[in-house]
N, C-alpha and C. Protein backbone atom coordinates (compact mmCIF):
# COMPACT_ATOMS: atom_id res chain seq x y z
N MET A 1 0.85 -1.18 0.00
CA MET A 1 0.00 0.00 0.00
C MET A 1 0.90 1.24 0.00
N LYS A 2 0.60 2.15 -0.88
CA LYS A 2 1.37 3.38 -0.98
C LYS A 2 1.01 4.33 0.15
N ASN A 3 1.97 5.17 0.56
CA ASN A 3 1.73 6.11 1.65
C ASN A 3 0.57 7.06 1.36
N ASP A 4 0.37 7.44 0.08
CA ASP A 4 -0.72 8.36 -0.23
C ASP A 4 -2.08 7.67 -0.14
N GLU A 5 -2.10 6.34 -0.04
CA GLU A 5 -3.33 5.58 0.12
C GLU A 5 -3.55 5.16 1.57
N TRP A 6 -2.60 5.45 2.45
CA TRP A 6 -2.66 5.03 3.84
C TRP A 6 -3.82 5.73 4.55
N PRO A 7 -4.80 4.98 5.09
CA PRO A 7 -6.00 5.61 5.65
C PRO A 7 -5.90 6.05 7.11
N PHE A 8 -4.90 5.60 7.83
CA PHE A 8 -4.78 5.96 9.25
C PHE A 8 -4.19 7.35 9.41
N ASP A 9 -4.51 7.99 10.54
CA ASP A 9 -3.94 9.31 10.79
C ASP A 9 -2.55 9.23 11.42
N GLN A 10 -2.06 8.03 11.70
CA GLN A 10 -0.69 7.81 12.12
C GLN A 10 0.06 7.17 10.97
N PRO A 11 1.37 7.35 10.92
CA PRO A 11 2.14 6.78 9.81
C PRO A 11 2.22 5.26 9.88
N PRO A 12 2.54 4.61 8.78
CA PRO A 12 2.64 3.15 8.77
C PRO A 12 3.62 2.58 9.79
N ASN A 13 4.66 3.34 10.13
CA ASN A 13 5.66 2.85 11.07
C ASN A 13 5.34 3.20 12.52
N CYS A 14 4.15 3.69 12.78
CA CYS A 14 3.72 4.02 14.14
C CYS A 14 3.75 2.76 15.00
N ALA A 15 4.33 2.83 16.19
CA ALA A 15 4.40 1.68 17.09
C ALA A 15 3.03 1.41 17.70
N VAL A 16 2.62 0.14 17.67
CA VAL A 16 1.36 -0.31 18.28
C VAL A 16 1.65 -1.52 19.15
N ILE A 17 0.73 -1.83 20.03
CA ILE A 17 0.89 -2.96 20.93
C ILE A 17 -0.03 -4.10 20.50
N THR A 18 0.53 -5.28 20.47
CA THR A 18 -0.23 -6.49 20.18
C THR A 18 0.36 -7.62 21.00
N LEU A 19 0.07 -8.84 20.62
CA LEU A 19 0.60 -10.00 21.31
C LEU A 19 1.49 -10.82 20.39
N LYS A 20 2.44 -11.50 20.97
CA LYS A 20 3.31 -12.38 20.18
C LYS A 20 2.48 -13.45 19.47
N THR A 21 1.44 -13.95 20.14
CA THR A 21 0.60 -14.99 19.53
C THR A 21 -0.23 -14.45 18.37
N VAL A 22 -0.54 -13.16 18.38
CA VAL A 22 -1.22 -12.55 17.24
C VAL A 22 -0.24 -12.47 16.06
N MET A 23 0.96 -12.03 16.32
CA MET A 23 1.94 -11.88 15.24
C MET A 23 2.37 -13.23 14.66
N SER A 24 2.31 -14.28 15.43
CA SER A 24 2.66 -15.60 14.92
C SER A 24 1.44 -16.31 14.33
N ARG A 25 0.32 -15.61 14.28
CA ARG A 25 -0.93 -16.10 13.70
C ARG A 25 -1.54 -17.28 14.47
N GLU A 26 -1.16 -17.41 15.74
CA GLU A 26 -1.75 -18.46 16.58
C GLU A 26 -3.17 -18.09 16.98
N VAL A 27 -3.41 -16.79 17.17
CA VAL A 27 -4.74 -16.30 17.53
C VAL A 27 -5.05 -15.06 16.68
N PRO A 28 -6.33 -14.84 16.37
CA PRO A 28 -6.70 -13.67 15.56
C PRO A 28 -6.88 -12.42 16.42
N ILE A 29 -6.93 -11.29 15.75
CA ILE A 29 -7.25 -10.03 16.42
C ILE A 29 -8.76 -10.00 16.63
N LEU A 30 -9.18 -10.01 17.88
CA LEU A 30 -10.61 -9.98 18.21
C LEU A 30 -11.00 -8.71 18.94
N PHE A 31 -10.01 -7.92 19.32
CA PHE A 31 -10.25 -6.71 20.10
C PHE A 31 -9.25 -5.66 19.65
N VAL A 32 -9.74 -4.46 19.43
CA VAL A 32 -8.88 -3.33 19.05
C VAL A 32 -9.26 -2.16 19.92
N SER A 33 -8.28 -1.45 20.42
CA SER A 33 -8.59 -0.25 21.20
C SER A 33 -7.70 0.90 20.75
N ARG A 34 -8.25 2.07 20.91
CA ARG A 34 -7.50 3.29 20.61
C ARG A 34 -7.58 4.18 21.84
N ASP A 35 -6.45 4.40 22.46
CA ASP A 35 -6.42 5.16 23.70
C ASP A 35 -6.81 6.61 23.48
N GLU A 36 -7.59 7.11 24.41
CA GLU A 36 -8.06 8.48 24.29
C GLU A 36 -6.96 9.50 24.57
N ASP A 37 -6.09 9.20 25.53
CA ASP A 37 -5.09 10.18 25.93
C ASP A 37 -3.97 10.39 24.90
N ASP A 38 -3.43 9.31 24.36
CA ASP A 38 -2.32 9.47 23.41
C ASP A 38 -2.64 8.93 22.01
N GLN A 39 -3.86 8.49 21.81
CA GLN A 39 -4.35 7.99 20.53
C GLN A 39 -3.60 6.76 20.03
N SER A 40 -2.93 6.05 20.93
CA SER A 40 -2.20 4.84 20.54
C SER A 40 -3.17 3.69 20.26
N TRP A 41 -2.70 2.74 19.49
CA TRP A 41 -3.48 1.58 19.07
C TRP A 41 -3.01 0.33 19.79
N GLN A 42 -3.96 -0.55 20.10
CA GLN A 42 -3.66 -1.84 20.70
C GLN A 42 -4.47 -2.91 19.97
N PHE A 43 -3.84 -4.03 19.69
CA PHE A 43 -4.47 -5.13 18.95
C PHE A 43 -4.28 -6.45 19.71
N PRO A 44 -4.91 -6.57 20.87
CA PRO A 44 -4.81 -7.82 21.62
C PRO A 44 -5.91 -8.80 21.20
N THR A 45 -6.13 -9.81 22.01
CA THR A 45 -7.16 -10.81 21.71
C THR A 45 -8.46 -10.54 22.46
N GLY A 46 -8.44 -9.65 23.43
CA GLY A 46 -9.62 -9.39 24.23
C GLY A 46 -9.55 -10.08 25.58
N GLU A 47 -8.53 -10.86 25.80
CA GLU A 47 -8.35 -11.54 27.08
C GLU A 47 -7.26 -10.83 27.88
N ILE A 48 -7.13 -11.21 29.13
CA ILE A 48 -6.11 -10.62 30.00
C ILE A 48 -4.73 -10.88 29.41
N VAL A 49 -3.91 -9.85 29.40
CA VAL A 49 -2.59 -9.91 28.78
C VAL A 49 -1.51 -9.79 29.86
N ARG A 50 -0.54 -10.68 29.77
CA ARG A 50 0.63 -10.57 30.65
C ARG A 50 1.70 -9.78 29.90
N LYS A 51 2.48 -9.05 30.64
CA LYS A 51 3.51 -8.20 30.06
C LYS A 51 4.45 -8.97 29.11
N ASN A 52 4.81 -10.18 29.47
CA ASN A 52 5.73 -10.98 28.65
C ASN A 52 5.12 -11.42 27.33
N ASP A 53 3.78 -11.35 27.22
CA ASP A 53 3.10 -11.75 25.98
C ASP A 53 3.02 -10.62 24.97
N ALA A 54 3.28 -9.40 25.40
CA ALA A 54 3.11 -8.23 24.55
C ALA A 54 4.22 -8.12 23.49
N ALA A 55 3.86 -7.49 22.39
CA ALA A 55 4.82 -7.21 21.32
C ALA A 55 4.54 -5.81 20.79
N VAL A 56 5.58 -5.07 20.51
CA VAL A 56 5.46 -3.75 19.91
C VAL A 56 5.88 -3.90 18.45
N VAL A 57 4.96 -3.55 17.56
CA VAL A 57 5.21 -3.68 16.12
C VAL A 57 4.74 -2.40 15.42
N ALA A 58 5.05 -2.30 14.16
CA ALA A 58 4.58 -1.16 13.36
C ALA A 58 3.14 -1.39 12.92
N LEU A 59 2.38 -0.32 12.83
CA LEU A 59 0.98 -0.40 12.42
C LEU A 59 0.84 -1.11 11.07
N HIS A 60 1.74 -0.86 10.15
CA HIS A 60 1.64 -1.52 8.84
C HIS A 60 1.77 -3.04 8.95
N GLU A 61 2.48 -3.54 9.97
CA GLU A 61 2.60 -4.99 10.16
C GLU A 61 1.25 -5.59 10.56
N ILE A 62 0.49 -4.87 11.34
CA ILE A 62 -0.85 -5.32 11.72
C ILE A 62 -1.75 -5.35 10.49
N VAL A 63 -1.67 -4.32 9.67
CA VAL A 63 -2.48 -4.26 8.45
C VAL A 63 -2.12 -5.40 7.50
N GLU A 64 -0.83 -5.68 7.37
CA GLU A 64 -0.39 -6.79 6.52
C GLU A 64 -0.87 -8.13 7.07
N LEU A 65 -0.87 -8.27 8.38
CA LEU A 65 -1.31 -9.50 9.03
C LEU A 65 -2.82 -9.70 8.89
N ASP A 66 -3.58 -8.61 9.06
CA ASP A 66 -5.04 -8.68 9.02
C ASP A 66 -5.60 -7.42 8.37
N PRO A 67 -5.74 -7.42 7.04
CA PRO A 67 -6.21 -6.24 6.33
C PRO A 67 -7.60 -5.75 6.76
N SER A 68 -8.37 -6.57 7.46
CA SER A 68 -9.69 -6.12 7.90
C SER A 68 -9.60 -4.95 8.88
N VAL A 69 -8.46 -4.76 9.51
CA VAL A 69 -8.33 -3.63 10.44
C VAL A 69 -8.32 -2.29 9.71
N LEU A 70 -8.17 -2.31 8.39
CA LEU A 70 -8.26 -1.06 7.63
C LEU A 70 -9.62 -0.39 7.82
N GLU A 71 -10.64 -1.20 8.11
CA GLU A 71 -11.98 -0.67 8.37
C GLU A 71 -12.01 0.22 9.61
N LEU A 72 -10.98 0.13 10.44
CA LEU A 72 -10.94 0.87 11.70
C LEU A 72 -10.08 2.12 11.62
N ALA A 73 -9.63 2.48 10.46
CA ALA A 73 -8.74 3.64 10.33
C ALA A 73 -9.37 4.91 10.90
N ASP A 74 -10.69 4.99 10.90
CA ASP A 74 -11.37 6.18 11.43
C ASP A 74 -11.88 5.98 12.86
N LEU A 75 -11.41 4.93 13.55
CA LEU A 75 -11.84 4.68 14.92
C LEU A 75 -11.41 5.85 15.80
N PRO A 76 -12.36 6.51 16.45
CA PRO A 76 -12.01 7.67 17.27
C PRO A 76 -11.21 7.26 18.52
N PRO A 77 -10.36 8.15 19.00
CA PRO A 77 -9.67 7.88 20.27
C PRO A 77 -10.71 7.64 21.37
N GLY A 78 -10.41 6.65 22.22
CA GLY A 78 -11.32 6.30 23.29
C GLY A 78 -12.34 5.24 22.91
N TRP A 79 -12.29 4.76 21.68
CA TRP A 79 -13.23 3.74 21.19
C TRP A 79 -12.52 2.39 21.09
N ILE A 80 -13.33 1.34 20.99
CA ILE A 80 -12.83 -0.01 20.80
C ILE A 80 -13.60 -0.65 19.64
N ALA A 81 -13.10 -1.77 19.19
CA ALA A 81 -13.81 -2.59 18.19
C ALA A 81 -13.60 -4.04 18.61
N THR A 82 -14.65 -4.83 18.47
CA THR A 82 -14.59 -6.23 18.85
C THR A 82 -15.26 -7.10 17.80
N ARG A 83 -14.93 -8.37 17.84
CA ARG A 83 -15.61 -9.37 17.01
C ARG A 83 -15.49 -10.72 17.72
N ARG A 84 -16.41 -11.61 17.38
CA ARG A 84 -16.45 -12.92 18.04
C ARG A 84 -15.49 -13.94 17.41
N SER A 85 -15.19 -13.75 16.14
CA SER A 85 -14.30 -14.69 15.46
C SER A 85 -13.52 -13.95 14.39
N GLU A 86 -12.51 -14.61 13.87
CA GLU A 86 -11.65 -14.01 12.85
C GLU A 86 -12.42 -13.59 11.60
N ASN A 87 -13.46 -14.31 11.26
CA ASN A 87 -14.23 -14.02 10.06
C ASN A 87 -15.38 -13.05 10.27
N ALA A 88 -15.64 -12.67 11.50
CA ALA A 88 -16.72 -11.73 11.80
C ALA A 88 -16.24 -10.29 11.56
N ALA A 89 -17.20 -9.41 11.35
CA ALA A 89 -16.87 -7.99 11.17
C ALA A 89 -16.49 -7.36 12.51
N LEU A 90 -15.58 -6.43 12.48
CA LEU A 90 -15.22 -5.67 13.67
C LEU A 90 -16.29 -4.62 13.92
N GLU A 91 -16.84 -4.62 15.13
CA GLU A 91 -17.90 -3.68 15.48
C GLU A 91 -17.34 -2.60 16.39
N LYS A 92 -17.52 -1.36 15.97
CA LYS A 92 -17.01 -0.21 16.72
C LYS A 92 -17.97 0.18 17.84
N GLN A 93 -17.38 0.64 18.95
CA GLN A 93 -18.21 1.15 20.05
C GLN A 93 -17.39 2.06 20.94
N ALA A 94 -18.06 3.04 21.52
CA ALA A 94 -17.41 3.92 22.47
C ALA A 94 -17.00 3.11 23.69
N HIS A 95 -15.82 3.34 24.20
CA HIS A 95 -15.35 2.62 25.39
C HIS A 95 -15.97 3.26 26.62
N ARG A 96 -16.47 2.44 27.47
CA ARG A 96 -17.13 2.95 28.69
C ARG A 96 -16.15 3.18 29.80
């Protein structure tokens, strides 16, 4: 994807948080959050995360791994998106 086609308001090399098991394709991305304070992105599984399981990667790596997250490029800070399975649509919602 060319930079002029990049839909996120952060650059492709923006650091995001995910899990090692997501990056190794052992588990799908089922939960996405965008922090309200610093607008950072997180792509965990939706379950409790231990510090040793976390991985910091570039946003473009997440897009390459799961292009469906492109649908979330306009996710407002403070919002989350969830889905029940890898093939389900990501549903956006304000974080409570």
